[in-house]
Amino acid sequence: MLIDNHGREINYMRLAVTDRCNLRCFYCMPEDGLNWLSRTELMSYEEMLRASTLLVKMGIEKIRITGGEPFVRKDIMKLLTNLSKLDGLKELSMTTNGVLTAPYVAEMKALGIRSVNLSLDTLDANRFFTITRRDEFTNVMHTLDELLKHDIEVKINAVVMDGKNIQDILPLVELTKNLRVSVRFIEEMPFNGDEHSCQGVKWDYVRILNEIEGYYPKIKKLVDPAYSTAYNYQIPGHKGTVGIIAAYSRTFCGTCNRIRITPQGTLKNCLYDDGVLNIKDLMRSGINDTELEQYLLKAFSHRAADGWEAERLRVEKTGVHESMATIGG
């Protein structure tokens, strides 16, 4: 079991396989995209598998594959196949925008992937284009259909943005009436890859809940699973559930059980930190797994108490506001 310096168990890793994405969501990156990493700067699949194998032996029980968009990286299914065979790994899951995912759903199911987070900020095709700057709404909805058809648990992640998709909150909630999905509303975060950052957030988790309660006054609080980042609710008679993630307010840091590895191999103890260790560079220097384990244990013994501390230290050091695509969002 991995325990950090604040007594929190670490058993969940988010592994970003690429910084590239086939959407251009305005809250994630500039319209022209980013300065994409070269292939040599990215971790190879072999390096990802080596790091994952070691971390599972150390105590990681769940791995979520993220990006950028995972399915824009060639041969992603080969990595998923190898990860699915790791002894000791209890859960392998994915986050995707759904644009390219549908043809792989049956194979994902066969590998034992039981849960997928699907990014979907609106159910309106025109607003989808405005938010993502791409005309891919039909493909995303096809992926949703395929995931449900193959009985894969779907968590729909919707970032709530003032003046952009507030009118989509209730239609997204209504999806839970007939579909066994969890619709999760996420506070907007300051990671869009340019000089702009949100100073505070207009639609925090309290305001989002108030909006939903105004239309569904009988909505009931559920017992949140261990390590949950979401406050979970259900409307009586609905098949699915509703979640609200206080990603900017950071109310769940006290039970944080997750680490992140970016596409270039940087270990992040917190979404908001500057990165604490480059695993790729260490592996390429020729160190063995015993030595790498010692570096990892040292990094885990210096985790920030919460996201506010991590962000303060990062901004003091770099002044940079990153893109979610480069840090596994």
Protein backbone atom coordinates (compact mmCIF):
# COMPACT_ATOMS: atom_id res chain seq x y z
CA MET A 1 0.00 0.00 0.00
CA LEU A 2 1.24 3.49 -0.92
CA ILE A 3 0.71 6.18 1.73
CA ASP A 4 1.69 9.83 1.25
CA ASN A 5 3.03 12.31 3.79
CA HIS A 6 -0.51 13.31 4.78
CA GLY A 7 -1.64 9.75 5.50
CA ARG A 8 -3.62 9.42 2.26
CA GLU A 9 -3.58 6.15 0.33
CA ILE A 10 -2.45 6.36 -3.31
CA ASN A 11 -4.07 3.64 -5.42
CA TYR A 12 -5.25 5.38 -8.61
CA MET A 13 -3.17 6.60 -11.57
CA ARG A 14 -4.24 8.66 -14.54
CA LEU A 15 -1.92 7.94 -17.46
CA ALA A 16 -2.00 10.43 -20.34
CA VAL A 17 -0.85 8.84 -23.60
CA THR A 18 -0.77 11.96 -25.79
CA ASP A 19 -1.15 15.72 -25.64
CA ARG A 20 -2.89 15.80 -29.02
CA CYS A 21 -6.63 16.14 -29.45
CA ASN A 22 -9.04 16.23 -32.38
CA LEU A 23 -11.23 18.85 -30.69
CA ARG A 24 -10.33 22.43 -29.77
CA CYS A 25 -12.48 23.08 -26.71
CA PHE A 26 -11.93 26.71 -25.80
CA TYR A 27 -11.56 25.98 -22.07
CA CYS A 28 -8.78 23.47 -22.74
CA MET A 29 -6.57 25.02 -25.39
CA PRO A 30 -6.23 27.93 -27.81
CA GLU A 31 -8.10 27.75 -31.13
CA ASP A 32 -4.91 27.09 -33.10
CA GLY A 33 -3.96 24.21 -30.83
CA LEU A 34 -0.72 23.83 -28.90
CA ASN A 35 2.94 23.33 -29.65
CA TRP A 36 2.55 19.55 -29.80
CA LEU A 37 5.22 17.33 -28.34
CA SER A 38 7.47 15.50 -30.77
CA ARG A 39 7.37 11.71 -30.79
CA THR A 40 10.70 11.47 -28.95
CA GLU A 41 9.36 13.69 -26.16
CA LEU A 42 6.44 11.35 -25.55
CA MET A 43 6.73 8.26 -23.44
CA SER A 44 6.79 5.14 -25.59
CA TYR A 45 4.23 2.43 -24.94
CA GLU A 46 7.06 0.27 -23.61
CA GLU A 47 7.98 2.97 -21.11
CA MET A 48 4.35 3.42 -20.09
CA LEU A 49 4.00 -0.31 -19.54
CA ARG A 50 7.21 -0.47 -17.50
CA ALA A 51 6.14 2.42 -15.28
CA SER A 52 2.63 1.01 -14.88
CA THR A 53 3.93 -2.46 -14.00
CA LEU A 54 6.15 -1.03 -11.27
CA LEU A 55 3.47 1.25 -9.86
CA VAL A 56 0.92 -1.57 -9.74
CA LYS A 57 3.44 -3.64 -7.78
CA MET A 58 3.83 -0.67 -5.42
CA GLY A 59 0.09 -0.36 -4.77
CA ILE A 60 -1.72 1.25 -7.73
CA GLU A 61 -4.99 -0.64 -8.25
CA LYS A 62 -6.72 1.48 -10.88
CA ILE A 63 -5.37 3.03 -14.08
CA ARG A 64 -7.34 5.47 -16.20
CA ILE A 65 -6.04 6.20 -19.71
CA THR A 66 -6.41 9.85 -20.72
CA GLY A 67 -4.94 12.36 -23.16
CA GLY A 68 -5.37 14.75 -24.93
CA GLU A 69 -7.58 12.27 -26.69
CA PRO A 70 -6.26 8.69 -26.29
CA PHE A 71 -7.64 7.43 -29.58
CA VAL A 72 -5.64 9.87 -31.70
CA ARG A 73 -2.48 7.96 -30.73
CA LYS A 74 -1.71 5.10 -33.09
CA ASP A 75 -2.12 1.54 -31.81
CA ILE A 76 -3.64 2.58 -28.50
CA MET A 77 -5.40 -0.79 -28.26
CA LYS A 78 -2.01 -2.54 -28.00
CA LEU A 79 -1.22 -0.58 -24.84
CA LEU A 80 -4.67 -1.27 -23.42
CA THR A 81 -4.25 -4.98 -24.11
CA ASN A 82 -0.93 -5.12 -22.27
CA LEU A 83 -2.17 -3.07 -19.34
CA SER A 84 -5.24 -5.27 -18.98
CA LYS A 85 -2.91 -8.22 -18.28
CA LEU A 86 -1.09 -6.61 -15.34
CA ASP A 87 -1.21 -8.80 -12.26
CA GLY A 88 -2.69 -6.82 -9.39
CA LEU A 89 -4.49 -4.20 -11.49
CA LYS A 90 -8.13 -4.23 -10.42
CA GLU A 91 -9.55 -1.69 -12.85
CA LEU A 92 -8.61 -0.26 -16.24
CA SER A 93 -10.74 2.61 -17.51
CA MET A 94 -10.64 5.46 -20.02
CA THR A 95 -11.55 9.07 -20.58
CA THR A 96 -12.41 10.00 -24.17
CA ASN A 97 -14.18 12.70 -26.15
CA GLY A 98 -15.91 10.00 -28.18
CA VAL A 99 -15.02 11.26 -31.65
CA LEU A 100 -13.05 8.16 -32.70
CA THR A 101 -14.09 5.72 -29.97
CA ALA A 102 -17.16 3.88 -31.28
CA PRO A 103 -15.34 1.30 -33.49
CA TYR A 104 -13.25 0.15 -30.50
CA VAL A 105 -16.01 -0.28 -27.92
CA ALA A 106 -16.53 -4.01 -28.44
CA GLU A 107 -12.79 -4.64 -28.11
CA MET A 108 -12.62 -2.46 -25.00
CA LYS A 109 -15.39 -4.51 -23.45
CA ALA A 110 -13.53 -7.73 -24.27
CA LEU A 111 -10.42 -6.39 -22.49
CA GLY A 112 -12.41 -5.89 -19.33
CA ILE A 113 -12.82 -2.11 -19.50
CA ARG A 114 -15.99 -1.58 -17.49
CA SER A 115 -16.07 2.20 -17.15
CA VAL A 116 -15.58 5.10 -19.56
CA ASN A 117 -15.72 8.84 -18.89
CA LEU A 118 -17.21 10.59 -21.91
CA SER A 119 -16.64 14.34 -22.28
CA LEU A 120 -19.86 16.01 -23.43
CA ASP A 121 -20.65 19.60 -22.48
CA THR A 122 -23.89 20.01 -24.42
CA LEU A 123 -26.66 18.07 -26.15
CA ASP A 124 -27.10 20.78 -28.77
CA ALA A 125 -25.13 20.23 -32.00
CA ASN A 126 -24.66 23.95 -32.65
CA ARG A 127 -23.38 24.67 -29.15
CA PHE A 128 -21.14 21.61 -29.41
CA PHE A 129 -19.51 23.19 -32.46
CA THR A 130 -19.15 26.53 -30.68
CA ILE A 131 -17.49 24.94 -27.64
CA THR A 132 -15.28 22.40 -29.43
CA ARG A 133 -14.72 24.26 -32.72
CA ARG A 134 -15.31 20.95 -34.50
CA ASP A 135 -18.40 19.35 -36.11
CA GLU A 136 -18.23 15.97 -34.36
CA PHE A 137 -21.42 15.84 -32.29
CA THR A 138 -22.91 12.91 -34.24
CA ASN A 139 -19.81 10.77 -33.70
CA VAL A 140 -19.80 11.46 -29.97
CA MET A 141 -23.45 10.47 -29.61
CA HIS A 142 -22.76 7.29 -31.60
CA THR A 143 -20.03 6.44 -29.10
CA LEU A 144 -22.47 6.98 -26.23
CA ASP A 145 -24.92 4.57 -27.89
CA GLU A 146 -22.21 1.95 -28.41
CA LEU A 147 -20.98 2.16 -24.82
CA LEU A 148 -24.48 1.68 -23.47
CA LYS A 149 -25.19 -1.13 -25.92
CA HIS A 150 -22.12 -3.00 -24.65
CA ASP A 151 -23.10 -2.41 -21.02
CA ILE A 152 -20.08 -0.27 -20.18
CA GLU A 153 -20.60 2.16 -17.30
CA VAL A 154 -20.69 5.69 -18.69
CA LYS A 155 -19.88 8.84 -16.78
CA ILE A 156 -20.68 11.92 -18.86
CA ASN A 157 -18.39 14.80 -17.88
CA ALA A 158 -19.74 18.28 -18.58
CA VAL A 159 -17.77 21.42 -17.74
CA VAL A 160 -20.17 24.15 -16.61
CA MET A 161 -19.30 27.47 -18.25
CA ASP A 162 -21.04 30.76 -17.64
CA GLY A 163 -22.58 32.12 -20.82
CA LYS A 164 -21.71 28.99 -22.82
CA ASN A 165 -23.75 25.97 -21.77
CA ILE A 166 -25.83 26.81 -18.70
CA GLN A 167 -28.96 25.99 -20.72
CA ASP A 168 -27.62 22.44 -21.09
CA ILE A 169 -27.60 21.62 -17.38
CA LEU A 170 -31.22 20.46 -17.19
CA PRO A 171 -31.25 18.58 -20.54
CA LEU A 172 -28.14 16.68 -19.44
CA VAL A 173 -29.77 15.86 -16.11
CA GLU A 174 -32.80 14.60 -18.01
CA LEU A 175 -30.60 11.98 -19.69
CA THR A 176 -30.54 10.16 -16.35
CA LYS A 177 -34.29 9.56 -16.52
CA ASN A 178 -34.09 6.73 -19.05
CA LEU A 179 -30.37 5.97 -19.32
CA ARG A 180 -28.14 4.28 -16.73
CA VAL A 181 -25.51 7.00 -16.93
CA SER A 182 -23.90 9.28 -14.41
CA VAL A 183 -24.00 12.88 -15.61
CA ARG A 184 -21.28 14.79 -13.78
CA PHE A 185 -21.02 18.56 -13.84
CA ILE A 186 -17.51 19.95 -13.36
CA GLU A 187 -16.52 23.40 -12.19
CA GLU A 188 -14.45 25.21 -14.81
CA MET A 189 -10.70 25.15 -14.10
CA PRO A 190 -7.85 27.53 -15.08
CA PHE A 191 -6.20 25.26 -17.65
CA ASN A 192 -6.76 26.54 -21.19
CA GLY A 193 -3.14 26.81 -22.30
CA ASP A 194 -2.88 30.57 -22.72
CA GLU A 195 -2.43 33.61 -20.52
CA HIS A 196 -6.07 33.65 -19.43
CA SER A 197 -7.05 31.93 -16.24
CA CYS A 198 -10.34 31.96 -14.39
CA GLN A 199 -10.19 34.05 -11.25
CA GLY A 200 -12.71 32.23 -9.12
CA VAL A 201 -15.63 30.46 -10.73
CA LYS A 202 -19.15 31.80 -11.29
CA TRP A 203 -20.77 28.39 -11.37
CA ASP A 204 -19.42 26.56 -8.35
CA TYR A 205 -20.81 23.28 -7.08
CA VAL A 206 -23.35 25.01 -4.81
CA ARG A 207 -24.81 27.08 -7.63
CA ILE A 208 -24.93 24.08 -9.96
CA LEU A 209 -26.86 22.07 -7.36
CA ASN A 210 -29.24 24.97 -6.74
CA GLU A 211 -29.96 25.13 -10.48
CA ILE A 212 -30.81 21.43 -10.58
CA GLU A 213 -32.85 21.51 -7.35
CA GLY A 214 -34.94 24.35 -8.73
CA TYR A 215 -36.34 21.98 -11.36
CA TYR A 216 -35.95 18.67 -9.52
CA PRO A 217 -36.76 19.56 -5.87
CA LYS A 218 -36.97 15.87 -4.88
CA ILE A 219 -33.37 15.13 -5.87
CA LYS A 220 -31.70 13.08 -3.13
CA LYS A 221 -28.10 12.93 -1.92
CA LEU A 222 -26.46 9.52 -2.31
CA VAL A 223 -23.68 8.06 -0.21
CA ASP A 224 -20.47 8.92 -2.06
CA PRO A 225 -18.06 6.04 -2.75
CA ALA A 226 -14.65 6.10 -1.09
CA TYR A 227 -12.26 8.60 -2.73
CA SER A 228 -15.10 10.10 -4.78
CA THR A 229 -14.37 13.49 -6.34
CA ALA A 230 -18.08 14.03 -6.97
CA TYR A 231 -21.04 14.80 -4.77
CA ASN A 232 -23.56 12.24 -6.03
CA TYR A 233 -27.34 12.54 -6.29
CA GLN A 234 -30.34 10.75 -7.78
CA ILE A 235 -33.75 11.93 -8.84
CA PRO A 236 -36.50 9.52 -7.74
CA GLY A 237 -37.62 7.38 -10.68
CA HIS A 238 -34.52 8.08 -12.75
CA LYS A 239 -32.28 5.20 -13.84
CA GLY A 240 -29.07 7.22 -13.76
CA THR A 241 -27.39 9.56 -11.30
CA VAL A 242 -26.07 13.11 -11.16
CA GLY A 243 -22.67 14.16 -9.85
CA ILE A 244 -21.10 17.53 -9.18
CA ILE A 245 -17.30 17.79 -9.11
CA ALA A 246 -15.85 20.74 -7.21
CA ALA A 247 -12.72 20.74 -9.34
CA TYR A 248 -11.95 24.43 -8.80
CA SER A 249 -13.23 24.64 -5.21
CA ARG A 250 -11.13 21.56 -4.39
CA THR A 251 -13.25 20.21 -1.56
CA PHE A 252 -12.04 16.61 -1.97
CA CYS A 253 -8.28 17.04 -1.51
CA GLY A 254 -8.33 15.52 1.95
CA THR A 255 -9.06 12.07 0.52
CA CYS A 256 -7.15 12.37 -2.75
CA ASN A 257 -5.88 8.95 -3.83
CA ARG A 258 -4.63 9.77 -7.32
CA ILE A 259 -1.49 10.61 -9.19
CA ARG A 260 -0.99 11.60 -12.82
CA ILE A 261 1.63 10.87 -15.44
CA THR A 262 1.71 13.30 -18.34
CA PRO A 263 2.44 12.28 -21.96
CA GLN A 264 6.08 13.33 -21.56
CA GLY A 265 6.46 11.21 -18.43
CA THR A 266 6.12 13.86 -15.72
CA LEU A 267 4.68 12.60 -12.46
CA LYS A 268 2.14 14.98 -10.94
CA ASN A 269 1.04 14.45 -7.36
CA CYS A 270 -1.76 16.96 -7.98
CA LEU A 271 -3.54 18.31 -11.03
CA TYR A 272 -2.44 21.78 -9.97
CA ASP A 273 1.26 21.15 -9.31
CA ASP A 274 4.22 21.72 -11.61
CA GLY A 275 5.27 18.10 -11.81
CA VAL A 276 7.54 16.47 -9.27
CA LEU A 277 9.53 13.89 -11.23
CA ASN A 278 10.19 12.92 -14.84
CA ILE A 279 9.82 9.15 -15.03
CA LYS A 280 10.65 8.97 -18.73
CA ASP A 281 13.98 10.74 -18.29
CA LEU A 282 14.90 8.52 -15.36
CA MET A 283 14.14 5.35 -17.34
CA ARG A 284 16.10 6.61 -20.34
CA SER A 285 19.07 7.34 -18.07
CA GLY A 286 19.36 3.60 -17.52
CA ILE A 287 18.25 3.19 -13.91
CA ASN A 288 16.71 -0.09 -12.79
CA ASP A 289 13.25 -0.55 -11.27
CA THR A 290 14.57 -0.66 -7.69
CA GLU A 291 16.16 2.75 -8.16
CA LEU A 292 13.06 4.11 -9.89
CA GLU A 293 10.91 2.91 -7.01
CA GLN A 294 13.00 4.93 -4.57
CA TYR A 295 12.53 8.09 -6.65
CA LEU A 296 8.78 7.48 -6.70
CA LEU A 297 8.54 6.87 -2.97
CA LYS A 298 10.44 10.09 -2.30
CA ALA A 299 8.06 12.02 -4.57
CA PHE A 300 5.01 10.56 -2.84
CA SER A 301 6.42 11.66 0.52
CA HIS A 302 6.28 15.32 -0.57
CA ARG A 303 2.68 15.73 -1.79
CA ALA A 304 1.00 19.10 -1.27
CA ALA A 305 -1.73 19.18 1.35
CA ASP A 306 -4.29 20.31 -1.23
CA GLY A 307 -4.72 21.81 -4.68
CA TRP A 308 -4.49 25.37 -3.40
CA GLU A 309 -1.01 24.78 -2.02
CA ALA A 310 0.03 22.96 -5.19
CA GLU A 311 -1.22 25.77 -7.43
CA ARG A 312 0.44 28.47 -5.33
CA LEU A 313 3.78 26.71 -5.50
CA ARG A 314 3.47 26.18 -9.26
CA VAL A 315 2.53 29.76 -10.09
CA GLU A 316 5.28 31.10 -7.83
CA LYS A 317 7.76 28.91 -9.67
CA THR A 318 6.59 29.18 -13.28
CA GLY A 319 3.70 31.63 -13.64
CA VAL A 320 2.36 29.23 -16.25
CA HIS A 321 -1.26 28.21 -16.79
CA GLU A 322 -1.13 24.87 -18.53
CA SER A 323 -3.52 23.19 -20.95
CA MET A 324 -5.61 20.29 -19.75
CA ALA A 325 -4.47 18.42 -22.87
CA THR A 326 -0.87 18.37 -21.67
CA ILE A 327 -1.62 17.19 -18.13
CA GLY A 328 -4.11 14.42 -18.69
CA GLY A 329 -7.42 16.28 -18.75
